[in-house]
Protein backbone atom coordinates (compact mmCIF):
# COMPACT_ATOMS: atom_id res chain seq x y z
CA MET A 1 -62.84 -104.19 -70.50
CA ARG A 2 -66.12 -105.64 -69.31
CA LYS A 3 -67.53 -104.93 -65.85
CA GLU A 4 -66.80 -108.47 -64.70
CA GLU A 5 -63.13 -108.16 -65.67
CA TYR A 6 -62.66 -105.04 -63.53
CA ILE A 7 -64.31 -106.78 -60.58
CA ASP A 8 -62.19 -109.92 -61.05
CA LEU A 9 -59.01 -107.82 -61.01
CA ALA A 10 -60.06 -106.11 -57.78
CA PHE A 11 -60.81 -109.44 -56.09
CA LYS A 12 -57.56 -110.97 -57.34
CA TYR A 13 -55.16 -108.21 -56.32
CA SER A 14 -56.84 -106.29 -53.49
CA ALA A 15 -57.23 -107.46 -49.90
CA ARG A 16 -60.94 -107.97 -49.25
CA ASN A 17 -61.73 -105.50 -46.51
CA TYR A 18 -64.90 -104.34 -48.29
CA ALA A 19 -67.81 -106.01 -50.08
CA PRO A 20 -68.71 -103.44 -52.77
CA LEU A 21 -71.77 -103.59 -54.96
CA PRO A 22 -71.18 -105.17 -58.41
CA VAL A 23 -71.05 -101.77 -60.12
CA VAL A 24 -67.91 -100.36 -61.78
CA LEU A 25 -68.04 -96.57 -61.85
CA THR A 26 -66.08 -94.48 -64.31
CA PHE A 27 -67.53 -90.95 -64.34
CA GLY A 28 -69.43 -88.58 -62.10
CA GLU A 29 -70.99 -85.15 -62.40
CA GLY A 30 -73.05 -83.34 -59.79
CA ILE A 31 -75.34 -85.84 -58.11
CA TYR A 32 -75.01 -88.47 -60.84
CA LEU A 33 -72.64 -91.38 -61.45
CA TYR A 34 -72.05 -93.47 -64.59
CA ASP A 35 -70.64 -96.98 -64.84
CA VAL A 36 -68.52 -98.64 -67.53
CA GLU A 37 -71.67 -99.97 -69.17
CA GLY A 38 -73.11 -96.48 -69.57
CA LYS A 39 -75.74 -96.79 -66.84
CA LYS A 40 -76.65 -93.65 -64.90
CA TYR A 41 -77.13 -93.58 -61.12
CA LEU A 42 -78.26 -91.07 -58.53
CA ASP A 43 -75.45 -90.98 -55.95
CA MET A 44 -77.23 -91.27 -52.61
CA LEU A 45 -74.11 -92.37 -50.73
CA SER A 46 -71.82 -89.44 -51.60
CA SER A 47 -68.80 -91.37 -50.32
CA TYR A 48 -70.27 -91.49 -46.81
CA SER A 49 -70.86 -87.70 -46.92
CA ALA A 50 -67.36 -86.79 -48.18
CA LEU A 51 -68.87 -85.64 -51.49
CA ASN A 52 -71.73 -83.50 -50.25
CA GLN A 53 -70.54 -80.86 -52.74
CA GLY A 54 -71.17 -83.27 -55.64
CA HIS A 55 -68.88 -84.81 -58.23
CA ARG A 56 -66.50 -82.62 -60.21
CA HIS A 57 -67.72 -79.33 -58.78
CA PRO A 58 -66.34 -76.74 -61.23
CA LYS A 59 -64.94 -74.42 -58.54
CA ILE A 60 -63.10 -77.28 -56.85
CA ILE A 61 -61.77 -78.63 -60.15
CA GLN A 62 -60.52 -75.17 -61.12
CA ALA A 63 -58.79 -74.68 -57.77
CA LEU A 64 -57.12 -78.09 -58.07
CA LYS A 65 -55.85 -77.35 -61.57
CA GLU A 66 -54.52 -73.93 -60.61
CA GLN A 67 -52.67 -75.31 -57.60
CA VAL A 68 -51.18 -78.37 -59.30
CA ASP A 69 -49.84 -76.11 -62.04
CA LYS A 70 -47.89 -74.18 -59.38
CA LEU A 71 -46.95 -76.55 -56.55
CA THR A 72 -47.99 -80.09 -55.66
CA LEU A 73 -46.59 -80.75 -52.19
CA THR A 74 -44.11 -79.24 -49.74
CA SER A 75 -44.55 -81.25 -46.50
CA ARG A 76 -44.52 -79.45 -43.15
CA ALA A 77 -40.74 -79.15 -43.35
CA PHE A 78 -41.39 -75.83 -45.14
CA HIS A 79 -43.94 -73.04 -45.10
CA ASN A 80 -46.10 -72.47 -48.17
CA ASP A 81 -48.49 -69.72 -49.26
CA GLN A 82 -51.65 -71.83 -48.73
CA PHE A 83 -51.26 -73.35 -45.27
CA GLY A 84 -51.46 -70.22 -43.11
CA PRO A 85 -54.47 -68.67 -44.88
CA PHE A 86 -56.29 -72.02 -44.80
CA CYS A 87 -55.73 -72.41 -41.05
CA GLN A 88 -56.94 -68.84 -40.53
CA LEU A 89 -60.11 -69.56 -42.52
CA LEU A 90 -60.80 -72.73 -40.51
CA CYS A 91 -60.33 -70.88 -37.22
CA GLU A 92 -62.71 -68.15 -38.35
CA ILE A 93 -65.33 -70.67 -39.48
CA THR A 94 -65.12 -72.83 -36.35
CA LYS A 95 -64.45 -69.95 -33.91
CA LYS A 96 -61.50 -71.88 -32.50
CA ASP A 97 -58.09 -70.51 -31.53
CA LYS A 98 -56.08 -73.23 -33.25
CA VAL A 99 -56.52 -76.00 -35.82
CA LEU A 100 -54.45 -79.12 -36.48
CA LEU A 101 -54.71 -80.61 -39.96
CA MET A 102 -54.65 -84.37 -40.46
CA ASN A 103 -54.88 -86.66 -43.49
CA THR A 104 -57.94 -88.73 -42.56
CA GLY A 105 -60.93 -88.70 -40.24
CA ALA A 106 -59.58 -91.56 -38.15
CA GLU A 107 -56.27 -89.72 -37.77
CA ALA A 108 -58.17 -86.63 -36.63
CA VAL A 109 -60.01 -88.67 -33.99
CA GLU A 110 -56.74 -90.22 -32.81
CA THR A 111 -55.26 -86.73 -32.51
CA ALA A 112 -58.26 -85.52 -30.49
CA ILE A 113 -57.76 -88.47 -28.14
CA LYS A 114 -54.08 -87.60 -27.73
CA ALA A 115 -54.90 -83.94 -27.10
CA ALA A 116 -57.52 -84.81 -24.48
CA ARG A 117 -55.18 -87.18 -22.68
CA LYS A 118 -52.31 -84.69 -22.64
CA TRP A 119 -54.64 -81.94 -21.40
CA GLY A 120 -55.73 -84.30 -18.64
CA TYR A 121 -52.18 -84.92 -17.49
CA LEU A 122 -50.87 -81.36 -17.84
CA LYS A 123 -53.92 -79.30 -16.83
CA LYS A 124 -56.30 -81.51 -14.87
CA LYS A 125 -53.40 -83.32 -13.18
CA VAL A 126 -54.79 -86.81 -13.78
CA LYS A 127 -52.46 -89.54 -12.56
CA GLU A 128 -50.04 -90.63 -15.28
CA ASN A 129 -51.37 -93.34 -17.61
CA SER A 130 -54.79 -93.26 -15.94
CA ALA A 131 -56.77 -90.96 -18.26
CA GLU A 132 -60.20 -92.18 -19.38
CA ILE A 133 -62.38 -91.03 -22.26
CA ILE A 134 -66.10 -91.80 -22.32
CA VAL A 135 -67.59 -92.97 -25.64
CA CYS A 136 -70.98 -94.28 -26.76
CA GLU A 137 -72.30 -97.65 -27.86
CA ASN A 138 -72.72 -98.10 -31.63
CA ASN A 139 -70.21 -95.34 -32.30
CA PHE A 140 -68.18 -95.02 -35.46
CA HIS A 141 -65.02 -92.93 -35.30
CA GLY A 142 -62.73 -94.89 -37.63
CA ARG A 143 -60.91 -98.20 -37.96
CA THR A 144 -57.47 -97.72 -36.39
CA THR A 145 -56.34 -100.06 -33.62
CA THR A 146 -57.14 -97.57 -30.86
CA ILE A 147 -60.52 -96.58 -32.29
CA ILE A 148 -61.78 -100.12 -32.83
CA SER A 149 -60.78 -100.80 -29.23
CA PHE A 150 -63.83 -98.82 -28.09
CA SER A 151 -66.13 -99.91 -30.90
CA THR A 152 -69.10 -102.13 -30.04
CA GLU A 153 -69.26 -103.56 -33.58
CA GLU A 154 -67.68 -107.00 -33.29
CA GLN A 155 -66.71 -107.29 -36.96
CA TYR A 156 -64.49 -104.21 -36.58
CA ARG A 157 -62.74 -105.74 -33.56
CA PHE A 158 -62.43 -109.43 -34.38
CA GLY A 159 -58.83 -110.56 -34.73
CA PHE A 160 -57.23 -107.22 -33.86
CA GLY A 161 -56.58 -107.51 -30.11
CA PRO A 162 -55.07 -106.73 -27.69
CA TYR A 163 -57.14 -103.57 -27.48
CA THR A 164 -56.13 -100.12 -26.31
CA PRO A 165 -57.32 -99.36 -22.74
CA GLY A 166 -58.56 -96.06 -21.37
CA PHE A 167 -62.13 -95.92 -22.68
CA LYS A 168 -65.50 -96.29 -20.97
CA ILE A 169 -68.54 -97.15 -23.10
CA ILE A 170 -72.02 -95.88 -22.22
CA PRO A 171 -75.39 -95.92 -24.06
CA TYR A 172 -75.92 -93.13 -26.59
CA ASN A 173 -78.51 -90.48 -25.77
CA ASP A 174 -78.32 -91.29 -22.04
CA LEU A 175 -77.33 -88.37 -19.82
CA THR A 176 -77.71 -90.31 -16.59
CA SER A 177 -75.14 -92.85 -17.76
CA LEU A 178 -72.80 -90.02 -18.72
CA GLU A 179 -72.96 -88.49 -15.25
CA LYS A 180 -72.40 -91.86 -13.57
CA ALA A 181 -69.43 -92.71 -15.81
CA ILE A 182 -67.41 -89.61 -14.93
CA ASN A 183 -64.70 -89.99 -12.30
CA GLU A 184 -61.47 -88.25 -11.30
CA ASN A 185 -59.64 -89.78 -14.29
CA THR A 186 -62.16 -88.71 -16.95
CA VAL A 187 -60.59 -86.30 -19.42
CA GLY A 188 -63.12 -86.29 -22.26
CA PHE A 189 -66.49 -87.32 -23.65
CA LEU A 190 -66.24 -88.22 -27.36
CA VAL A 191 -69.59 -88.34 -29.15
CA GLU A 192 -71.25 -87.94 -32.56
CA PRO A 193 -74.03 -85.31 -32.72
CA ILE A 194 -75.90 -87.81 -34.89
CA GLN A 195 -74.69 -91.40 -34.96
CA GLY A 196 -73.87 -92.21 -38.58
CA GLU A 197 -73.01 -95.88 -39.03
CA GLY A 198 -74.99 -96.63 -35.89
CA GLY A 199 -78.12 -96.08 -38.00
CA VAL A 200 -78.42 -92.29 -38.38
CA ILE A 201 -79.59 -91.98 -34.78
CA VAL A 202 -80.69 -88.46 -33.81
CA PRO A 203 -80.55 -87.89 -30.03
CA LYS A 204 -83.39 -86.40 -28.06
CA GLU A 205 -83.69 -82.64 -28.05
CA GLY A 206 -81.35 -81.03 -25.54
CA TYR A 207 -78.98 -84.01 -25.31
CA LEU A 208 -75.91 -82.26 -26.67
CA LYS A 209 -76.46 -79.07 -24.69
CA ARG A 210 -76.96 -80.94 -21.45
CA ALA A 211 -73.97 -83.22 -22.16
CA LYS A 212 -71.81 -80.14 -22.61
CA GLU A 213 -73.05 -78.73 -19.28
CA ILE A 214 -72.24 -82.00 -17.51
CA CYS A 215 -68.74 -82.00 -18.99
CA LYS A 216 -68.13 -78.39 -18.00
CA LYS A 217 -69.36 -78.99 -14.46
CA ASN A 218 -66.95 -81.92 -14.05
CA ASN A 219 -63.95 -80.37 -15.85
CA VAL A 220 -64.18 -82.85 -18.73
CA LEU A 221 -63.52 -81.98 -22.38
CA PHE A 222 -66.61 -82.11 -24.60
CA ILE A 223 -65.40 -83.60 -27.91
CA LEU A 224 -67.68 -83.70 -30.95
CA ASP A 225 -66.95 -85.86 -33.98
CA GLU A 226 -68.64 -83.88 -36.76
CA ILE A 227 -66.81 -85.59 -39.62
CA GLN A 228 -70.13 -86.81 -41.04
CA THR A 229 -72.41 -84.03 -39.76
CA GLY A 230 -70.32 -80.86 -40.04
CA LEU A 231 -69.85 -78.30 -42.81
CA GLY A 232 -73.51 -77.94 -43.74
CA ARG A 233 -74.58 -81.57 -43.95
CA THR A 234 -77.47 -81.16 -41.48
CA GLY A 235 -78.66 -77.74 -42.63
CA LYS A 236 -76.55 -75.68 -40.26
CA LEU A 237 -72.79 -75.29 -40.61
CA PHE A 238 -72.30 -77.58 -37.60
CA ALA A 239 -74.86 -79.91 -36.02
CA TYR A 240 -74.05 -78.65 -32.52
CA GLN A 241 -75.45 -75.23 -33.50
CA TYR A 242 -78.99 -76.57 -33.22
CA GLU A 243 -78.50 -76.65 -29.45
CA ASP A 244 -75.75 -74.10 -28.86
CA ALA A 245 -73.48 -76.90 -27.68
CA GLU A 246 -70.08 -75.74 -28.93
CA PRO A 247 -67.46 -78.38 -28.10
CA ASP A 248 -64.03 -77.95 -26.58
CA ILE A 249 -62.61 -80.06 -29.43
CA LEU A 250 -64.32 -80.17 -32.83
CA ILE A 251 -63.38 -82.92 -35.29
CA LEU A 252 -64.16 -82.17 -38.95
CA GLY A 253 -63.70 -83.80 -42.33
């Protein structure tokens, strides 16, 4: 099939929630991609950082093949011989007591929101259905109904109301606004160490460390969304390590 035929099929049968470039990819290896016309590209998107290990990494391919030859899926209705060791490894890497595995980044953010709210009601004794989470302008944490409710990007919100309440939006990289936004109902501050879709915005030095101190002082959970920055993407294993600003809840992908 020609490139145009593949694109026509996608437009005909897929809902148009994206506007992809007119390139039809068919093969990838390392940092390179190849399209159906044989053209070679340097992959500078890496699936929005999901492929920072490169395409078809031999160790990952081998592990996939070995596992699929033994067992494909069990669901959480059963134990399996991979789940426990993987959770242990994640806890050791992140220095956290517990991990909770999700399917997508947006689902992980939703789960962090739920955890923060429940902590607020059970531990901080916030009045029922009054919990607030502070977020930043130009954030990107996903596209679920709850998450777009506190987005400031209108195209993500248009046509999807009514929106989920319980969020307070402040400017990014603004500690004064953070302090002013906290009240007796505040249970968490959800922030990206570096804003990704907001334009790769790096905050001023000391921002994360001071934000953590403000949260601790006010008994507010410091929640870092490191889905795009974690696991070595900024040079350190986690971006918060540049400022020794370990969060109460760490979101990874």
